[in-house]
Amino acid sequence: MKKNFLAGYFLSMGLFVLILGSCKGKPSQTTNTDTAVVAPADNTTTKMPDTAVVISADDSLKRMIPDAIKDFPGVTASVDQGVITLTGTINRDRLPKLMMAVNALHPKKINNNLTINK
């Protein structure tokens, strides 16, 4: 009885491996339109994604930053080459709201030099 059980077990495992092995090597049916496309010869073209990064100019940042920080007394901001530098003090629970307001202006970078209170 023990021999029959082991023979059936090994037979079923062999069939299982055979079935799994037959699934390998099939080509994928998915396509990705945001990948690089290589043309014949050495000409290489790249398809860019539909979304573009928007960076605001200094003059528009300087114009909009006072509205973004008006609800945060003790915080000052300066703009230089698309980079907004925040200085001053802020409570920890108000920091996320400030950062969202400043990020909405689309600067190149934000330097956070704020002192955070508990």
PDB file of N, CA and C in Angstrom:
ATOM      1  N   MET A   1       0.820  -1.184   0.000  1.00  0.00           N
ATOM      2  CA  MET A   1       0.000   0.000   0.000  1.00  0.00           C
ATOM      3  C   MET A   1       0.867   1.252   0.000  1.00  0.00           C
ATOM      4  N   LYS A   2       1.972   1.202   0.770  1.00  0.00           N
ATOM      5  CA  LYS A   2       2.857   2.339   0.839  1.00  0.00           C
ATOM      6  C   LYS A   2       3.507   2.601  -0.517  1.00  0.00           C
ATOM      7  N   LYS A   3       3.861   1.529  -1.262  1.00  0.00           N
ATOM      8  CA  LYS A   3       4.472   1.667  -2.577  1.00  0.00           C
ATOM      9  C   LYS A   3       3.489   2.300  -3.551  1.00  0.00           C
ATOM     10  N   ASN A   4       2.207   1.903  -3.493  1.00  0.00           N
ATOM     11  CA  ASN A   4       1.201   2.482  -4.398  1.00  0.00           C
ATOM     12  C   ASN A   4       1.002   3.975  -4.116  1.00  0.00           C
ATOM     13  N   PHE A   5       1.018   4.330  -2.848  1.00  0.00           N
ATOM     14  CA  PHE A   5       0.844   5.735  -2.483  1.00  0.00           C
ATOM     15  C   PHE A   5       1.994   6.566  -3.021  1.00  0.00           C
ATOM     16  N   LEU A   6       3.252   6.091  -2.816  1.00  0.00           N
ATOM     17  CA  LEU A   6       4.416   6.829  -3.293  1.00  0.00           C
ATOM     18  C   LEU A   6       4.453   6.898  -4.812  1.00  0.00           C
ATOM     19  N   ALA A   7       4.079   5.821  -5.491  1.00  0.00           N
ATOM     20  CA  ALA A   7       4.066   5.820  -6.955  1.00  0.00           C
ATOM     21  C   ALA A   7       3.048   6.835  -7.466  1.00  0.00           C
ATOM     22  N   GLY A   8       1.861   6.885  -6.855  1.00  0.00           N
ATOM     23  CA  GLY A   8       0.835   7.865  -7.256  1.00  0.00           C
ATOM     24  C   GLY A   8       1.291   9.286  -6.980  1.00  0.00           C
ATOM     25  N   TYR A   9       1.960   9.490  -5.849  1.00  0.00           N
ATOM     26  CA  TYR A   9       2.452  10.815  -5.497  1.00  0.00           C
ATOM     27  C   TYR A   9       3.468  11.303  -6.519  1.00  0.00           C
ATOM     28  N   PHE A  10       4.455  10.467  -6.841  1.00  0.00           N
ATOM     29  CA  PHE A  10       5.484  10.870  -7.798  1.00  0.00           C
ATOM     30  C   PHE A  10       4.914  11.046  -9.198  1.00  0.00           C
ATOM     31  N   LEU A  11       3.945  10.243  -9.584  1.00  0.00           N
ATOM     32  CA  LEU A  11       3.306  10.379 -10.889  1.00  0.00           C
ATOM     33  C   LEU A  11       2.568  11.715 -10.980  1.00  0.00           C
ATOM     34  N   SER A  12       1.831  12.063  -9.924  1.00  0.00           N
ATOM     35  CA  SER A  12       1.090  13.320  -9.945  1.00  0.00           C
ATOM     36  C   SER A  12       2.041  14.518  -9.926  1.00  0.00           C
ATOM     37  N   MET A  13       3.161  14.422  -9.200  1.00  0.00           N
ATOM     38  CA  MET A  13       4.134  15.508  -9.188  1.00  0.00           C
ATOM     39  C   MET A  13       4.788  15.656 -10.557  1.00  0.00           C
ATOM     40  N   GLY A  14       5.060  14.548 -11.214  1.00  0.00           N
ATOM     41  CA  GLY A  14       5.639  14.601 -12.553  1.00  0.00           C
ATOM     42  C   GLY A  14       4.696  15.275 -13.534  1.00  0.00           C
ATOM     43  N   LEU A  15       3.403  14.956 -13.465  1.00  0.00           N
ATOM     44  CA  LEU A  15       2.422  15.612 -14.337  1.00  0.00           C
ATOM     45  C   LEU A  15       2.328  17.103 -14.038  1.00  0.00           C
ATOM     46  N   PHE A  16       2.390  17.440 -12.765  1.00  0.00           N
ATOM     47  CA  PHE A  16       2.325  18.843 -12.357  1.00  0.00           C
ATOM     48  C   PHE A  16       3.490  19.634 -12.950  1.00  0.00           C
ATOM     49  N   VAL A  17       4.708  19.081 -12.874  1.00  0.00           N
ATOM     50  CA  VAL A  17       5.893  19.740 -13.419  1.00  0.00           C
ATOM     51  C   VAL A  17       5.796  19.828 -14.928  1.00  0.00           C
ATOM     52  N   LEU A  18       5.277  18.812 -15.574  1.00  0.00           N
ATOM     53  CA  LEU A  18       5.120  18.809 -17.027  1.00  0.00           C
ATOM     54  C   LEU A  18       4.158  19.898 -17.469  1.00  0.00           C
ATOM     55  N   ILE A  19       3.063  20.060 -16.746  1.00  0.00           N
ATOM     56  CA  ILE A  19       2.075  21.084 -17.101  1.00  0.00           C
ATOM     57  C   ILE A  19       2.659  22.482 -16.896  1.00  0.00           C
ATOM     58  N   LEU A  20       3.357  22.707 -15.776  1.00  0.00           N
ATOM     59  CA  LEU A  20       3.969  24.005 -15.532  1.00  0.00           C
ATOM     60  C   LEU A  20       5.059  24.311 -16.547  1.00  0.00           C
ATOM     61  N   GLY A  21       5.819  23.342 -16.918  1.00  0.00           N
ATOM     62  CA  GLY A  21       6.890  23.528 -17.886  1.00  0.00           C
ATOM     63  C   GLY A  21       6.378  23.911 -19.255  1.00  0.00           C
ATOM     64  N   SER A  22       5.179  23.474 -19.609  1.00  0.00           N
ATOM     65  CA  SER A  22       4.648  23.786 -20.934  1.00  0.00           C
ATOM     66  C   SER A  22       4.157  25.222 -21.027  1.00  0.00           C
ATOM     67  N   CYS A  23       4.025  25.927 -19.901  1.00  0.00           N
ATOM     68  CA  CYS A  23       3.554  27.316 -19.904  1.00  0.00           C
ATOM     69  C   CYS A  23       4.686  28.305 -20.124  1.00  0.00           C
ATOM     70  N   LYS A  24       5.933  27.882 -20.008  1.00  0.00           N
ATOM     71  CA  LYS A  24       7.062  28.792 -20.142  1.00  0.00           C
ATOM     72  C   LYS A  24       7.318  29.130 -21.607  1.00  0.00           C
ATOM     73  N   GLY A  25       7.880  30.301 -21.837  1.00  0.00           N
ATOM     74  CA  GLY A  25       8.330  30.660 -23.169  1.00  0.00           C
ATOM     75  C   GLY A  25       7.274  31.285 -24.052  1.00  0.00           C
ATOM     76  N   LYS A  26       6.078  31.483 -23.577  1.00  0.00           N
ATOM     77  CA  LYS A  26       5.063  32.118 -24.411  1.00  0.00           C
ATOM     78  C   LYS A  26       5.290  33.622 -24.389  1.00  0.00           C
ATOM     79  N   PRO A  27       5.138  34.298 -25.529  1.00  0.00           N
ATOM     80  CA  PRO A  27       5.352  35.742 -25.554  1.00  0.00           C
ATOM     81  C   PRO A  27       4.273  36.472 -24.780  1.00  0.00           C
ATOM     82  N   SER A  28       4.664  37.604 -24.228  1.00  0.00           N
ATOM     83  CA  SER A  28       3.727  38.423 -23.466  1.00  0.00           C
ATOM     84  C   SER A  28       2.762  39.119 -24.407  1.00  0.00           C
ATOM     85  N   GLN A  29       1.530  39.290 -23.970  1.00  0.00           N
ATOM     86  CA  GLN A  29       0.508  39.933 -24.782  1.00  0.00           C
ATOM     87  C   GLN A  29       0.371  41.420 -24.462  1.00  0.00           C
ATOM     88  N   THR A  30       1.150  41.922 -23.489  1.00  0.00           N
ATOM     89  CA  THR A  30       1.016  43.320 -23.096  1.00  0.00           C
ATOM     90  C   THR A  30       1.955  44.189 -23.910  1.00  0.00           C
ATOM     91  N   THR A  31       1.566  45.444 -24.107  1.00  0.00           N
ATOM     92  CA  THR A  31       2.406  46.411 -24.801  1.00  0.00           C
ATOM     93  C   THR A  31       2.485  47.664 -23.961  1.00  0.00           C
ATOM     94  N   ASN A  32       3.559  48.399 -24.120  1.00  0.00           N
ATOM     95  CA  ASN A  32       3.750  49.649 -23.387  1.00  0.00           C
ATOM     96  C   ASN A  32       4.071  50.734 -24.402  1.00  0.00           C
ATOM     97  N   THR A  33       3.269  51.778 -24.460  1.00  0.00           N
ATOM     98  CA  THR A  33       3.464  52.834 -25.448  1.00  0.00           C
ATOM     99  C   THR A  33       4.431  53.902 -24.998  1.00  0.00           C
ATOM    100  N   ASP A  34       4.884  53.879 -23.736  1.00  0.00           N
ATOM    101  CA  ASP A  34       5.776  54.903 -23.223  1.00  0.00           C
ATOM    102  C   ASP A  34       7.227  54.432 -23.160  1.00  0.00           C
ATOM    103  N   THR A  35       7.641  53.571 -24.056  1.00  0.00           N
ATOM    104  CA  THR A  35       9.006  53.077 -24.040  1.00  0.00           C
ATOM    105  C   THR A  35       9.759  53.598 -25.255  1.00  0.00           C
ATOM    106  N   ALA A  36      11.060  53.454 -25.219  1.00  0.00           N
ATOM    107  CA  ALA A  36      11.881  53.904 -26.324  1.00  0.00           C
ATOM    108  C   ALA A  36      11.663  52.999 -27.533  1.00  0.00           C
ATOM    109  N   VAL A  37      11.667  53.599 -28.705  1.00  0.00           N
ATOM    110  CA  VAL A  37      11.495  52.865 -29.951  1.00  0.00           C
ATOM    111  C   VAL A  37      12.781  53.025 -30.742  1.00  0.00           C
ATOM    112  N   VAL A  38      13.389  51.922 -31.130  1.00  0.00           N
ATOM    113  CA  VAL A  38      14.627  51.976 -31.885  1.00  0.00           C
ATOM    114  C   VAL A  38      14.304  51.733 -33.345  1.00  0.00           C
ATOM    115  N   ALA A  39      14.661  52.686 -34.188  1.00  0.00           N
ATOM    116  CA  ALA A  39      14.415  52.586 -35.625  1.00  0.00           C
ATOM    117  C   ALA A  39      15.568  51.824 -36.271  1.00  0.00           C
ATOM    118  N   PRO A  40      15.409  51.407 -37.504  1.00  0.00           N
ATOM    119  CA  PRO A  40      16.493  50.721 -38.202  1.00  0.00           C
ATOM    120  C   PRO A  40      17.758  51.584 -38.246  1.00  0.00           C
ATOM    121  N   ALA A  41      18.887  50.952 -38.392  1.00  0.00           N
ATOM    122  CA  ALA A  41      20.207  51.585 -38.413  1.00  0.00           C
ATOM    123  C   ALA A  41      20.494  52.205 -37.047  1.00  0.00           C
ATOM    124  N   ASP A  42      21.068  53.392 -37.006  1.00  0.00           N
ATOM    125  CA  ASP A  42      21.449  54.014 -35.737  1.00  0.00           C
ATOM    126  C   ASP A  42      20.485  55.120 -35.306  1.00  0.00           C
ATOM    127  N   ASN A  43      19.394  55.286 -36.016  1.00  0.00           N
ATOM    128  CA  ASN A  43      18.442  56.337 -35.656  1.00  0.00           C
ATOM    129  C   ASN A  43      17.616  55.873 -34.471  1.00  0.00           C
ATOM    130  N   THR A  44      17.673  56.614 -33.375  1.00  0.00           N
ATOM    131  CA  THR A  44      16.934  56.259 -32.179  1.00  0.00           C
ATOM    132  C   THR A  44      15.924  57.359 -31.887  1.00  0.00           C
ATOM    133  N   THR A  45      14.691  56.956 -31.670  1.00  0.00           N
ATOM    134  CA  THR A  45      13.664  57.924 -31.289  1.00  0.00           C
ATOM    135  C   THR A  45      13.068  57.486 -29.961  1.00  0.00           C
ATOM    136  N   THR A  46      12.621  58.443 -29.200  1.00  0.00           N
ATOM    137  CA  THR A  46      12.027  58.157 -27.909  1.00  0.00           C
ATOM    138  C   THR A  46      10.665  58.803 -27.840  1.00  0.00           C
ATOM    139  N   LYS A  47       9.679  58.031 -27.444  1.00  0.00           N
ATOM    140  CA  LYS A  47       8.345  58.582 -27.253  1.00  0.00           C
ATOM    141  C   LYS A  47       8.254  59.070 -25.824  1.00  0.00           C
ATOM    142  N   MET A  48       7.925  60.337 -25.665  1.00  0.00           N
ATOM    143  CA  MET A  48       7.832  60.939 -24.357  1.00  0.00           C
ATOM    144  C   MET A  48       6.447  60.696 -23.771  1.00  0.00           C
ATOM    145  N   PRO A  49       6.345  60.566 -22.443  1.00  0.00           N
ATOM    146  CA  PRO A  49       5.028  60.425 -21.827  1.00  0.00           C
ATOM    147  C   PRO A  49       4.193  61.684 -22.065  1.00  0.00           C
ATOM    148  N   ASP A  50       2.881  61.546 -21.929  1.00  0.00           N
ATOM    149  CA  ASP A  50       1.977  62.656 -22.174  1.00  0.00           C
ATOM    150  C   ASP A  50       2.050  63.739 -21.101  1.00  0.00           C
ATOM    151  N   THR A  51       2.595  63.424 -19.939  1.00  0.00           N
ATOM    152  CA  THR A  51       2.677  64.408 -18.861  1.00  0.00           C
ATOM    153  C   THR A  51       4.019  65.113 -18.929  1.00  0.00           C
ATOM    154  N   ALA A  52       4.010  66.403 -18.712  1.00  0.00           N
ATOM    155  CA  ALA A  52       5.237  67.190 -18.728  1.00  0.00           C
ATOM    156  C   ALA A  52       5.409  67.870 -17.383  1.00  0.00           C
ATOM    157  N   VAL A  53       6.645  68.080 -16.996  1.00  0.00           N
ATOM    158  CA  VAL A  53       6.942  68.765 -15.747  1.00  0.00           C
ATOM    159  C   VAL A  53       6.864  70.263 -16.010  1.00  0.00           C
ATOM    160  N   VAL A  54       6.105  70.969 -15.180  1.00  0.00           N
ATOM    161  CA  VAL A  54       5.946  72.410 -15.326  1.00  0.00           C
ATOM    162  C   VAL A  54       6.713  73.092 -14.207  1.00  0.00           C
ATOM    163  N   ILE A  55       7.599  73.993 -14.582  1.00  0.00           N
ATOM    164  CA  ILE A  55       8.347  74.772 -13.607  1.00  0.00           C
ATOM    165  C   ILE A  55       8.033  76.238 -13.876  1.00  0.00           C
ATOM    166  N   SER A  56       7.580  76.923 -12.844  1.00  0.00           N
ATOM    167  CA  SER A  56       7.199  78.321 -12.985  1.00  0.00           C
ATOM    168  C   SER A  56       8.432  79.218 -13.046  1.00  0.00           C
ATOM    169  N   ALA A  57       8.284  80.350 -13.722  1.00  0.00           N
ATOM    170  CA  ALA A  57       9.347  81.335 -13.813  1.00  0.00           C
ATOM    171  C   ALA A  57       9.444  82.124 -12.511  1.00  0.00           C
ATOM    172  N   ASP A  58      10.617  82.746 -12.291  1.00  0.00           N
ATOM    173  CA  ASP A  58      10.846  83.495 -11.058  1.00  0.00           C
ATOM    174  C   ASP A  58       9.820  84.596 -10.837  1.00  0.00           C
ATOM    175  N   ASP A  59       9.500  85.353 -11.883  1.00  0.00           N
ATOM    176  CA  ASP A  59       8.581  86.474 -11.687  1.00  0.00           C
ATOM    177  C   ASP A  59       7.195  86.007 -11.261  1.00  0.00           C
ATOM    178  N   SER A  60       6.719  84.893 -11.813  1.00  0.00           N
ATOM    179  CA  SER A  60       5.409  84.389 -11.391  1.00  0.00           C
ATOM    180  C   SER A  60       5.480  83.789  -9.981  1.00  0.00           C
ATOM    181  N   LEU A  61       6.598  83.156  -9.639  1.00  0.00           N
ATOM    182  CA  LEU A  61       6.762  82.629  -8.275  1.00  0.00           C
ATOM    183  C   LEU A  61       6.792  83.770  -7.260  1.00  0.00           C
ATOM    184  N   LYS A  62       7.529  84.832  -7.592  1.00  0.00           N
ATOM    185  CA  LYS A  62       7.614  85.976  -6.683  1.00  0.00           C
ATOM    186  C   LYS A  62       6.251  86.644  -6.504  1.00  0.00           C
ATOM    187  N   ARG A  63       5.444  86.607  -7.542  1.00  0.00           N
ATOM    188  CA  ARG A  63       4.111  87.196  -7.475  1.00  0.00           C
ATOM    189  C   ARG A  63       3.148  86.330  -6.664  1.00  0.00           C
ATOM    190  N   MET A  64       3.287  84.995  -6.749  1.00  0.00           N
ATOM    191  CA  MET A  64       2.328  84.091  -6.114  1.00  0.00           C
ATOM    192  C   MET A  64       2.720  83.645  -4.701  1.00  0.00           C
ATOM    193  N   ILE A  65       3.987  83.724  -4.344  1.00  0.00           N
ATOM    194  CA  ILE A  65       4.431  83.210  -3.048  1.00  0.00           C
ATOM    195  C   ILE A  65       3.809  83.947  -1.855  1.00  0.00           C
ATOM    196  N   PRO A  66       3.582  85.261  -1.909  1.00  0.00           N
ATOM    197  CA  PRO A  66       2.945  85.898  -0.745  1.00  0.00           C
ATOM    198  C   PRO A  66       1.563  85.333  -0.432  1.00  0.00           C
ATOM    199  N   ASP A  67       0.777  85.002  -1.456  1.00  0.00           N
ATOM    200  CA  ASP A  67      -0.539  84.390  -1.214  1.00  0.00           C
ATOM    201  C   ASP A  67      -0.406  82.995  -0.607  1.00  0.00           C
ATOM    202  N   ALA A  68       0.625  82.271  -1.004  1.00  0.00           N
ATOM    203  CA  ALA A  68       0.798  80.906  -0.508  1.00  0.00           C
ATOM    204  C   ALA A  68       1.189  80.876   0.965  1.00  0.00           C
ATOM    205  N   ILE A  69       1.934  81.877   1.422  1.00  0.00           N
ATOM    206  CA  ILE A  69       2.416  81.846   2.807  1.00  0.00           C
ATOM    207  C   ILE A  69       1.673  82.818   3.725  1.00  0.00           C
ATOM    208  N   LYS A  70       0.637  83.490   3.212  1.00  0.00           N
ATOM    209  CA  LYS A  70      -0.048  84.517   4.015  1.00  0.00           C
ATOM    210  C   LYS A  70      -0.682  83.963   5.284  1.00  0.00           C
ATOM    211  N   ASP A  71      -1.098  82.689   5.297  1.00  0.00           N
ATOM    212  CA  ASP A  71      -1.737  82.079   6.468  1.00  0.00           C
ATOM    213  C   ASP A  71      -0.724  81.505   7.455  1.00  0.00           C
ATOM    214  N   PHE A  72       0.560  81.743   7.221  1.00  0.00           N
ATOM    215  CA  PHE A  72       1.611  81.166   8.059  1.00  0.00           C
ATOM    216  C   PHE A  72       2.514  82.272   8.597  1.00  0.00           C
ATOM    217  N   PRO A  73       2.071  82.959   9.662  1.00  0.00           N
ATOM    218  CA  PRO A  73       2.901  84.030  10.228  1.00  0.00           C
ATOM    219  C   PRO A  73       4.215  83.447  10.751  1.00  0.00           C
ATOM    220  N   GLY A  74       5.271  84.191  10.571  1.00  0.00           N
ATOM    221  CA  GLY A  74       6.586  83.722  11.005  1.00  0.00           C
ATOM    222  C   GLY A  74       7.348  83.017   9.900  1.00  0.00           C
ATOM    223  N   VAL A  75       6.710  82.801   8.738  1.00  0.00           N
ATOM    224  CA  VAL A  75       7.369  82.140   7.608  1.00  0.00           C
ATOM    225  C   VAL A  75       7.627  83.180   6.526  1.00  0.00           C
ATOM    226  N   THR A  76       8.859  83.220   6.024  1.00  0.00           N
ATOM    227  CA  THR A  76       9.203  84.075   4.893  1.00  0.00           C
ATOM    228  C   THR A  76       9.745  83.203   3.777  1.00  0.00           C
ATOM    229  N   ALA A  77       9.655  83.715   2.554  1.00  0.00           N
ATOM    230  CA  ALA A  77      10.111  82.941   1.407  1.00  0.00           C
ATOM    231  C   ALA A  77      10.856  83.847   0.439  1.00  0.00           C
ATOM    232  N   SER A  78      11.879  83.292  -0.183  1.00  0.00           N
ATOM    233  CA  SER A  78      12.609  84.005  -1.230  1.00  0.00           C
ATOM    234  C   SER A  78      12.696  83.102  -2.450  1.00  0.00           C
ATOM    235  N   VAL A  79      12.823  83.717  -3.630  1.00  0.00           N
ATOM    236  CA  VAL A  79      12.859  82.969  -4.885  1.00  0.00           C
ATOM    237  C   VAL A  79      14.136  83.329  -5.627  1.00  0.00           C
ATOM    238  N   ASP A  80      14.841  82.303  -6.119  1.00  0.00           N
ATOM    239  CA  ASP A  80      16.036  82.517  -6.923  1.00  0.00           C
ATOM    240  C   ASP A  80      16.190  81.364  -7.903  1.00  0.00           C
ATOM    241  N   GLN A  81      16.107  81.651  -9.192  1.00  0.00           N
ATOM    242  CA  GLN A  81      16.263  80.675 -10.277  1.00  0.00           C
ATOM    243  C   GLN A  81      15.315  79.487 -10.128  1.00  0.00           C
ATOM    244  N   GLY A  82      14.082  79.766  -9.776  1.00  0.00           N
ATOM    245  CA  GLY A  82      13.070  78.722  -9.655  1.00  0.00           C
ATOM    246  C   GLY A  82      13.075  77.976  -8.333  1.00  0.00           C
ATOM    247  N   VAL A  83      13.981  78.320  -7.438  1.00  0.00           N
ATOM    248  CA  VAL A  83      14.099  77.665  -6.141  1.00  0.00           C
ATOM    249  C   VAL A  83      13.491  78.565  -5.069  1.00  0.00           C
ATOM    250  N   ILE A  84      12.549  78.020  -4.308  1.00  0.00           N
ATOM    251  CA  ILE A  84      11.939  78.757  -3.200  1.00  0.00           C
ATOM    252  C   ILE A  84      12.628  78.322  -1.913  1.00  0.00           C
ATOM    253  N   THR A  85      13.103  79.311  -1.138  1.00  0.00           N
ATOM    254  CA  THR A  85      13.735  79.039   0.147  1.00  0.00           C
ATOM    255  C   THR A  85      12.824  79.556   1.246  1.00  0.00           C
ATOM    256  N   LEU A  86      12.416  78.649   2.132  1.00  0.00           N
ATOM    257  CA  LEU A  86      11.544  78.991   3.249  1.00  0.00           C
ATOM    258  C   LEU A  86      12.380  79.170   4.503  1.00  0.00           C
ATOM    259  N   THR A  87      12.138  80.275   5.236  1.00  0.00           N
ATOM    260  CA  THR A  87      12.825  80.524   6.493  1.00  0.00           C
ATOM    261  C   THR A  87      11.802  80.970   7.526  1.00  0.00           C
ATOM    262  N   GLY A  88      12.191  80.902   8.789  1.00  0.00           N
ATOM    263  CA  GLY A  88      11.307  81.299   9.867  1.00  0.00           C
ATOM    264  C   GLY A  88      10.951  80.119  10.742  1.00  0.00           C
ATOM    265  N   THR A  89       9.815  80.243  11.445  1.00  0.00           N
ATOM    266  CA  THR A  89       9.359  79.169  12.332  1.00  0.00           C
ATOM    267  C   THR A  89       7.928  78.794  11.998  1.00  0.00           C
ATOM    268  N   ILE A  90       7.596  77.534  12.272  1.00  0.00           N
ATOM    269  CA  ILE A  90       6.257  77.023  12.008  1.00  0.00           C
ATOM    270  C   ILE A  90       5.975  75.874  12.974  1.00  0.00           C
ATOM    271  N   ASN A  91       4.708  75.697  13.314  1.00  0.00           N
ATOM    272  CA  ASN A  91       4.319  74.543  14.135  1.00  0.00           C
ATOM    273  C   ASN A  91       4.297  73.297  13.260  1.00  0.00           C
ATOM    274  N   ARG A  92       4.672  72.174  13.847  1.00  0.00           N
ATOM    275  CA  ARG A  92       4.779  70.914  13.109  1.00  0.00           C
ATOM    276  C   ARG A  92       3.475  70.536  12.404  1.00  0.00           C
ATOM    277  N   ASP A  93       2.340  70.753  13.038  1.00  0.00           N
ATOM    278  CA  ASP A  93       1.067  70.352  12.439  1.00  0.00           C
ATOM    279  C   ASP A  93       0.671  71.231  11.252  1.00  0.00           C
ATOM    280  N   ARG A  94       1.282  72.403  11.095  1.00  0.00           N
ATOM    281  CA  ARG A  94       0.963  73.304   9.977  1.00  0.00           C
ATOM    282  C   ARG A  94       1.902  73.117   8.791  1.00  0.00           C
ATOM    283  N   LEU A  95       3.015  72.434   8.998  1.00  0.00           N
ATOM    284  CA  LEU A  95       4.018  72.267   7.946  1.00  0.00           C
ATOM    285  C   LEU A  95       3.480  71.576   6.690  1.00  0.00           C
ATOM    286  N   PRO A  96       2.736  70.469   6.791  1.00  0.00           N
ATOM    287  CA  PRO A  96       2.244  69.825   5.556  1.00  0.00           C
ATOM    288  C   PRO A  96       1.370  70.756   4.706  1.00  0.00           C
ATOM    289  N   LYS A  97       0.538  71.555   5.343  1.00  0.00           N
ATOM    290  CA  LYS A  97      -0.324  72.472   4.597  1.00  0.00           C
ATOM    291  C   LYS A  97       0.513  73.530   3.875  1.00  0.00           C
ATOM    292  N   LEU A  98       1.543  74.044   4.542  1.00  0.00           N
ATOM    293  CA  LEU A  98       2.435  75.017   3.913  1.00  0.00           C
ATOM    294  C   LEU A  98       3.151  74.405   2.714  1.00  0.00           C
ATOM    295  N   MET A  99       3.672  73.201   2.882  1.00  0.00           N
ATOM    296  CA  MET A  99       4.415  72.559   1.793  1.00  0.00           C
ATOM    297  C   MET A  99       3.512  72.279   0.590  1.00  0.00           C
ATOM    298  N   MET A 100       2.272  71.906   0.840  1.00  0.00           N
ATOM    299  CA  MET A 100       1.341  71.689  -0.279  1.00  0.00           C
ATOM    300  C   MET A 100       1.063  72.998  -1.009  1.00  0.00           C
ATOM    301  N   ALA A 101       0.906  74.089  -0.254  1.00  0.00           N
ATOM    302  CA  ALA A 101       0.644  75.387  -0.868  1.00  0.00           C
ATOM    303  C   ALA A 101       1.833  75.847  -1.715  1.00  0.00           C
ATOM    304  N   VAL A 102       3.044  75.628  -1.224  1.00  0.00           N
ATOM    305  CA  VAL A 102       4.235  76.051  -1.966  1.00  0.00           C
ATOM    306  C   VAL A 102       4.480  75.131  -3.165  1.00  0.00           C
ATOM    307  N   ASN A 103       4.273  73.838  -3.006  1.00  0.00           N
ATOM    308  CA  ASN A 103       4.430  72.903  -4.131  1.00  0.00           C
ATOM    309  C   ASN A 103       3.444  73.195  -5.252  1.00  0.00           C
ATOM    310  N   ALA A 104       2.279  73.713  -4.921  1.00  0.00           N
ATOM    311  CA  ALA A 104       1.270  74.026  -5.937  1.00  0.00           C
ATOM    312  C   ALA A 104       1.736  75.133  -6.877  1.00  0.00           C
ATOM    313  N   LEU A 105       2.757  75.872  -6.493  1.00  0.00           N
ATOM    314  CA  LEU A 105       3.299  76.933  -7.342  1.00  0.00           C
ATOM    315  C   LEU A 105       4.243  76.398  -8.415  1.00  0.00           C
ATOM    316  N   HIS A 106       4.616  75.143  -8.338  1.00  0.00           N
ATOM    317  CA  HIS A 106       5.498  74.448  -9.286  1.00  0.00           C
ATOM    318  C   HIS A 106       6.911  75.041  -9.345  1.00  0.00           C
ATOM    319  N   PRO A 107       7.579  75.144  -8.191  1.00  0.00           N
ATOM    320  CA  PRO A 107       8.971  75.595  -8.233  1.00  0.00           C
ATOM    321  C   PRO A 107       9.882  74.462  -8.693  1.00  0.00           C
ATOM    322  N   LYS A 108      11.099  74.816  -9.061  1.00  0.00           N
ATOM    323  CA  LYS A 108      12.085  73.799  -9.425  1.00  0.00           C
ATOM    324  C   LYS A 108      12.456  72.984  -8.187  1.00  0.00           C
ATOM    325  N   LYS A 109      12.570  73.675  -7.047  1.00  0.00           N
ATOM    326  CA  LYS A 109      12.983  73.025  -5.807  1.00  0.00           C
ATOM    327  C   LYS A 109      12.525  73.883  -4.639  1.00  0.00           C
ATOM    328  N   ILE A 110      12.352  73.267  -3.468  1.00  0.00           N
ATOM    329  CA  ILE A 110      12.027  74.003  -2.241  1.00  0.00           C
ATOM    330  C   ILE A 110      13.104  73.694  -1.215  1.00  0.00           C
ATOM    331  N   ASN A 111      13.764  74.749  -0.743  1.00  0.00           N
ATOM    332  CA  ASN A 111      14.723  74.601   0.351  1.00  0.00           C
ATOM    333  C   ASN A 111      13.992  74.932   1.642  1.00  0.00           C
ATOM    334  N   ASN A 112      13.840  73.949   2.497  1.00  0.00           N
ATOM    335  CA  ASN A 112      13.124  74.131   3.752  1.00  0.00           C
ATOM    336  C   ASN A 112      14.134  74.418   4.860  1.00  0.00           C
ATOM    337  N   ASN A 113      14.274  75.706   5.189  1.00  0.00           N
ATOM    338  CA  ASN A 113      15.166  76.114   6.271  1.00  0.00           C
ATOM    339  C   ASN A 113      14.355  76.568   7.485  1.00  0.00           C
ATOM    340  N   LEU A 114      13.187  76.018   7.640  1.00  0.00           N
ATOM    341  CA  LEU A 114      12.282  76.400   8.729  1.00  0.00           C
ATOM    342  C   LEU A 114      12.705  75.757  10.045  1.00  0.00           C
ATOM    343  N   THR A 115      12.458  76.486  11.126  1.00  0.00           N
ATOM    344  CA  THR A 115      12.595  75.937  12.473  1.00  0.00           C
ATOM    345  C   THR A 115      11.208  75.431  12.861  1.00  0.00           C
ATOM    346  N   ILE A 116      11.112  74.158  13.240  1.00  0.00           N
ATOM    347  CA  ILE A 116       9.816  73.546  13.508  1.00  0.00           C
ATOM    348  C   ILE A 116       9.578  73.473  15.008  1.00  0.00           C
ATOM    349  N   ASN A 117       8.454  74.062  15.449  1.00  0.00           N
ATOM    350  CA  ASN A 117       8.030  74.005  16.850  1.00  0.00           C
ATOM    351  C   ASN A 117       7.138  72.788  17.047  1.00  0.00           C
ATOM    352  N   LYS A 118       7.050  72.338  18.266  1.00  0.00           N
ATOM    353  CA  LYS A 118       6.181  71.190  18.565  1.00  0.00           C
ATOM    354  C   LYS A 118       4.774  71.566  18.526  1.00  0.00           C
TER     355      LYS A 118
END
